[in-house]
Protein backbone atom coordinates (compact mmCIF):
# COMPACT_ATOMS: atom_id res chain seq x y z
CA UNK A 1 120.03 120.87 140.87
CA UNK A 2 122.61 123.58 141.72
CA UNK A 3 123.18 126.74 139.69
CA UNK A 4 126.44 125.34 138.29
CA UNK A 5 124.68 122.12 137.31
CA UNK A 6 122.00 124.06 135.43
CA UNK A 7 124.71 126.04 133.63
CA UNK A 8 126.57 122.90 132.62
CA UNK A 9 123.43 121.37 131.14
CA UNK A 10 123.02 124.47 128.93
CA UNK A 11 126.38 123.89 127.23
CA UNK A 12 126.24 121.83 124.02
CA UNK A 13 128.90 119.42 125.30
CA UNK A 14 126.89 118.51 128.41
CA UNK A 15 123.34 118.57 127.07
CA UNK A 16 121.56 115.33 127.87
CA UNK A 17 123.28 114.75 131.21
CA UNK A 18 121.19 113.50 134.11
CA UNK A 19 120.89 115.67 137.21
CA UNK A 20 123.32 113.42 139.08
CA UNK A 21 125.87 113.47 136.24
CA UNK A 22 125.67 117.27 135.97
CA UNK A 23 126.06 117.62 139.73
CA UNK A 24 129.15 115.38 139.73
CA UNK A 25 130.84 117.41 137.01
CA UNK A 26 129.75 120.73 138.56
CA UNK A 27 131.60 119.81 141.75
CA UNK A 28 134.79 119.57 139.70
CA UNK A 29 134.48 123.05 138.18
CA UNK A 30 135.88 126.29 139.59
CA UNK A 31 133.79 129.46 139.04
CA UNK A 32 135.72 132.56 138.00
CA UNK A 33 134.48 136.14 137.68
CA UNK A 34 136.85 138.35 135.69
CA UNK A 35 136.65 142.10 135.01
CA UNK A 36 136.70 143.44 131.45
CA UNK A 37 139.98 143.36 129.53
CA UNK A 38 141.47 140.67 131.76
CA UNK A 39 143.53 137.86 130.20
CA UNK A 40 142.29 134.36 131.04
CA UNK A 41 145.52 132.98 129.57
CA UNK A 42 148.09 134.23 127.11
CA UNK A 43 149.63 132.96 123.92
CA UNK A 44 152.32 130.41 124.81
CA UNK A 45 150.86 129.59 128.24
CA UNK A 46 150.41 125.92 129.06
CA UNK A 47 146.78 124.81 128.82
CA UNK A 48 145.76 123.97 132.40
CA UNK A 49 141.96 124.20 132.22
CA UNK A 50 139.02 124.10 129.86
CA UNK A 51 136.70 127.09 130.25
CA UNK A 52 132.96 127.47 129.73
CA UNK A 53 131.47 130.95 129.31
CA UNK A 54 128.61 131.28 131.80
CA UNK A 55 128.02 134.97 131.08
CA UNK A 56 129.88 137.73 129.28
CA UNK A 57 132.18 137.76 126.26
CA UNK A 58 135.68 136.51 125.43
CA UNK A 59 137.89 137.33 122.47
CA UNK A 60 140.81 135.20 121.28
CA UNK A 61 143.75 136.77 119.49
CA UNK A 62 147.41 136.46 118.53
CA UNK A 63 150.18 139.01 118.15
CA UNK A 64 152.14 138.99 114.90
CA UNK A 65 155.87 139.63 114.48
CA UNK A 66 155.21 143.38 114.16
CA UNK A 67 153.29 143.49 117.44
CA UNK A 68 149.87 143.84 115.80
CA UNK A 69 146.89 142.03 117.30
CA UNK A 70 144.99 139.57 115.09
CA UNK A 71 141.57 138.68 116.51
CA UNK A 72 140.41 135.14 115.76
CA UNK A 73 137.04 134.79 117.45
CA UNK A 74 134.51 136.04 119.97
CA UNK A 75 133.00 133.59 122.46
CA UNK A 76 129.66 134.07 124.20
CA UNK A 77 127.55 132.30 126.81
CA UNK A 78 127.50 128.56 126.13
CA UNK A 79 130.86 128.45 124.33
CA UNK A 80 133.89 126.54 125.56
CA UNK A 81 137.58 127.20 124.97
CA UNK A 82 140.27 126.40 124.06
CA UNK A 83 139.40 123.81 121.43
CA UNK A 84 142.57 121.99 120.48
CA UNK A 85 143.41 118.78 118.67
CA UNK A 86 145.24 117.26 121.62
CA UNK A 87 145.81 118.37 125.19
CA UNK A 88 148.97 116.51 126.22
CA UNK A 89 151.79 119.04 126.75
CA UNK A 90 149.73 121.59 124.82
CA UNK A 91 150.40 125.35 124.92
CA UNK A 92 147.86 127.90 123.86
CA UNK A 93 148.32 129.38 120.36
CA UNK A 94 146.14 132.38 121.31
CA UNK A 95 145.43 134.85 124.09
CA UNK A 96 141.93 134.78 125.58
CA UNK A 97 140.74 138.12 127.00
CA UNK A 98 137.46 139.29 128.50
CA UNK A 99 135.67 141.99 126.49
CA UNK A 100 133.21 142.73 129.30
CA UNK A 101 132.93 141.42 132.86
CA UNK A 102 132.71 137.67 132.33
CA UNK A 103 131.76 134.63 134.42
CA UNK A 104 133.52 131.36 133.62
CA UNK A 105 133.44 127.79 134.80
CA UNK A 106 136.94 126.31 134.76
CA UNK A 107 137.44 122.55 134.54
CA UNK A 108 141.01 121.31 135.18
CA UNK A 109 142.49 119.82 132.02
CA UNK A 110 143.36 116.41 133.48
CA UNK A 111 139.87 116.10 134.93
CA UNK A 112 138.39 116.98 131.53
CA UNK A 113 140.55 114.34 129.83
CA UNK A 114 139.36 111.73 132.32
CA UNK A 115 135.73 112.67 131.63
CA UNK A 116 136.25 112.23 127.87
CA UNK A 117 138.06 108.92 128.37
CA UNK A 118 135.22 107.60 130.51
CA UNK A 119 132.34 108.77 128.34
CA UNK A 120 132.17 107.95 124.61
CA UNK A 121 129.16 110.25 124.26
CA UNK A 122 131.13 113.25 125.56
CA UNK A 123 134.10 112.31 123.37
CA UNK A 124 131.91 112.21 120.24
CA UNK A 125 130.33 115.56 121.12
CA UNK A 126 133.81 117.03 121.59
CA UNK A 127 134.80 115.76 118.15
CA UNK A 128 131.70 117.40 116.71
CA UNK A 129 132.54 120.75 118.31
CA UNK A 130 136.09 120.60 116.98
CA UNK A 131 134.83 119.70 113.48
CA UNK A 132 132.49 122.68 113.59
CA UNK A 133 135.38 124.95 114.59
CA UNK A 134 137.50 123.63 111.70
CA UNK A 135 134.69 124.36 109.23
CA UNK A 136 134.33 127.86 110.66
CA UNK A 137 138.04 128.53 110.20
CA UNK A 138 137.94 127.14 106.65
CA UNK A 139 135.01 129.42 105.79
CA UNK A 140 136.88 132.38 107.27
CA UNK A 141 139.98 131.59 105.20
CA UNK A 142 137.91 131.25 102.01
CA UNK A 143 136.19 134.53 102.79
CA UNK A 144 139.52 136.29 103.33
CA UNK A 145 140.98 134.98 100.07
CA UNK A 146 138.02 136.01 97.94
CA UNK A 147 136.89 139.33 99.37
CA UNK A 148 138.00 142.93 99.64
CA UNK A 149 137.88 145.15 102.70
CA UNK A 150 134.24 146.20 102.28
CA UNK A 151 132.94 142.66 101.81
CA UNK A 152 135.06 141.31 104.67
CA UNK A 153 133.91 144.03 107.02
CA UNK A 154 130.25 143.67 106.10
CA UNK A 155 130.41 139.86 106.29
CA UNK A 156 131.90 140.09 109.79
CA UNK A 157 129.23 142.56 110.91
CA UNK A 158 126.57 140.15 109.59
CA UNK A 159 128.24 137.31 111.51
CA UNK A 160 128.19 139.31 114.75
CA UNK A 161 124.56 140.34 114.21
CA UNK A 162 123.43 136.76 113.53
CA UNK A 163 125.40 135.13 116.36
CA UNK A 164 125.46 137.81 119.07
CA UNK A 165 122.64 140.18 118.15
CA UNK A 166 119.40 140.75 120.05
CA UNK A 167 116.26 141.62 118.05
CA UNK A 168 114.64 144.91 119.03
CA UNK A 169 111.79 145.48 116.64
CA UNK A 170 113.28 145.83 113.17
CA UNK A 171 116.75 146.47 114.59
CA UNK A 172 119.43 144.06 115.74
CA UNK A 173 121.44 145.23 118.75
CA UNK A 174 124.92 143.73 119.09
CA UNK A 175 126.22 144.46 122.64
CA UNK A 176 129.89 144.00 121.74
CA UNK A 177 131.99 147.13 122.40
CA UNK A 178 134.33 146.49 119.47
CA UNK A 179 136.60 149.34 118.39
CA UNK A 180 137.50 150.29 114.83
CA UNK A 181 140.98 148.88 115.46
CA UNK A 182 139.63 145.58 116.76
CA UNK A 183 137.38 145.24 113.73
CA UNK A 184 140.36 146.03 111.49
CA UNK A 185 142.46 143.42 113.33
CA UNK A 186 139.75 140.82 112.78
CA UNK A 187 139.32 141.30 109.04
CA UNK A 188 143.00 142.04 108.35
CA UNK A 189 142.83 145.61 107.01
CA UNK A 190 143.96 149.07 108.06
CA UNK A 191 141.96 150.95 110.66
CA UNK A 192 141.41 153.84 108.24
CA UNK A 193 139.71 151.54 105.72
CA UNK A 194 137.38 150.16 108.38
CA UNK A 195 136.55 153.66 109.62
CA UNK A 196 135.57 154.69 106.09
CA UNK A 197 133.35 151.62 105.76
CA UNK A 198 131.56 152.25 109.06
CA UNK A 199 131.11 155.93 108.21
CA UNK A 200 129.55 154.94 104.87
CA UNK A 201 127.18 152.46 106.55
CA UNK A 202 126.21 155.05 109.15
CA UNK A 203 125.40 157.66 106.48
CA UNK A 204 123.21 155.08 104.71
CA UNK A 205 121.35 154.47 107.97
CA UNK A 206 122.24 150.77 108.04
CA UNK A 207 124.66 150.54 111.01
CA UNK A 208 125.15 152.78 114.03
CA UNK A 209 128.21 152.25 116.24
CA UNK A 210 128.65 153.30 119.88
CA UNK A 211 131.01 152.51 122.75
CA UNK A 212 128.63 149.79 123.97
CA UNK A 213 128.38 148.01 120.62
CA UNK A 214 126.49 148.64 117.42
CA UNK A 215 122.98 148.54 116.01
CA UNK A 216 122.07 147.12 112.60
CA UNK A 217 119.00 149.05 111.52
CA UNK A 218 118.40 146.93 108.42
CA UNK A 219 120.07 143.51 108.40
CA UNK A 220 118.60 142.60 105.01
CA UNK A 221 120.06 145.75 103.43
CA UNK A 222 123.42 144.91 105.00
CA UNK A 223 123.32 141.41 103.50
CA UNK A 224 122.43 142.78 100.08
CA UNK A 225 125.61 144.87 100.09
CA UNK A 226 127.78 141.73 100.09
CA UNK A 227 128.94 140.96 96.56
CA UNK A 228 127.65 137.70 95.09
CA UNK A 229 129.99 134.74 95.56
CA UNK A 230 129.21 131.15 94.70
CA UNK A 231 130.03 129.95 98.22
CA UNK A 232 128.64 132.92 100.14
CA UNK A 233 126.02 131.78 102.70
CA UNK A 234 124.50 135.26 102.78
CA UNK A 235 123.98 135.22 99.00
CA UNK A 236 122.50 131.73 99.14
CA UNK A 237 120.01 132.86 101.77
CA UNK A 238 119.14 135.92 99.69
CA UNK A 239 118.56 133.78 96.62
CA UNK A 240 116.23 131.57 98.66
CA UNK A 241 114.23 134.62 99.77
CA UNK A 242 113.96 135.93 96.21
CA UNK A 243 112.96 132.57 94.78
CA UNK A 244 110.36 132.13 97.51
């Protein structure tokens, strides 16, 4: 099995493929290696390909009417994008940009549509991925409506630590070089407010930020700083720990 075939089989959408099936699809993909801060496509561009992150990191964002960037998500190895409800005559609602040097596998849109049409299993998996993305966006909206700047910022740091972090002893290293402004753009608050939050967490010895990312020294302490909400997954997990 080729390197591209192995990569394809690691993506949730293509797990369970036979070696021959993976090889057939791999031959249809186009590998792309992009430097950091390079746009894969921009908001308003026509969707021409579906992309799979082989290595690296992608962020998706939009620009509001005032010219401010609003970050929607970060995508790591194994993720695919864009996820849209329909592909016919579709334009991208977001800009996808590399955060670090990133390797992608690009699958032409029409080819991808033909694969879905010819495979009910792939189509059902695609529906599952889209449903998961919808739930994620709903949770984010609920979180934004119910929380202040500190809780939003801490919740997002917890999300990054749990989804992108690498355990190193008691610490969790998150190799995402996110700036104070990018964090502010993600949670929807002013940069000054985010800087005060990060300074406070640093003084408490909970989070240390550098140009290469950040380190959570005590993830449990970070979770305990999130105010209790009925629908908060972090609070539910804490309650389970305490009851156990």
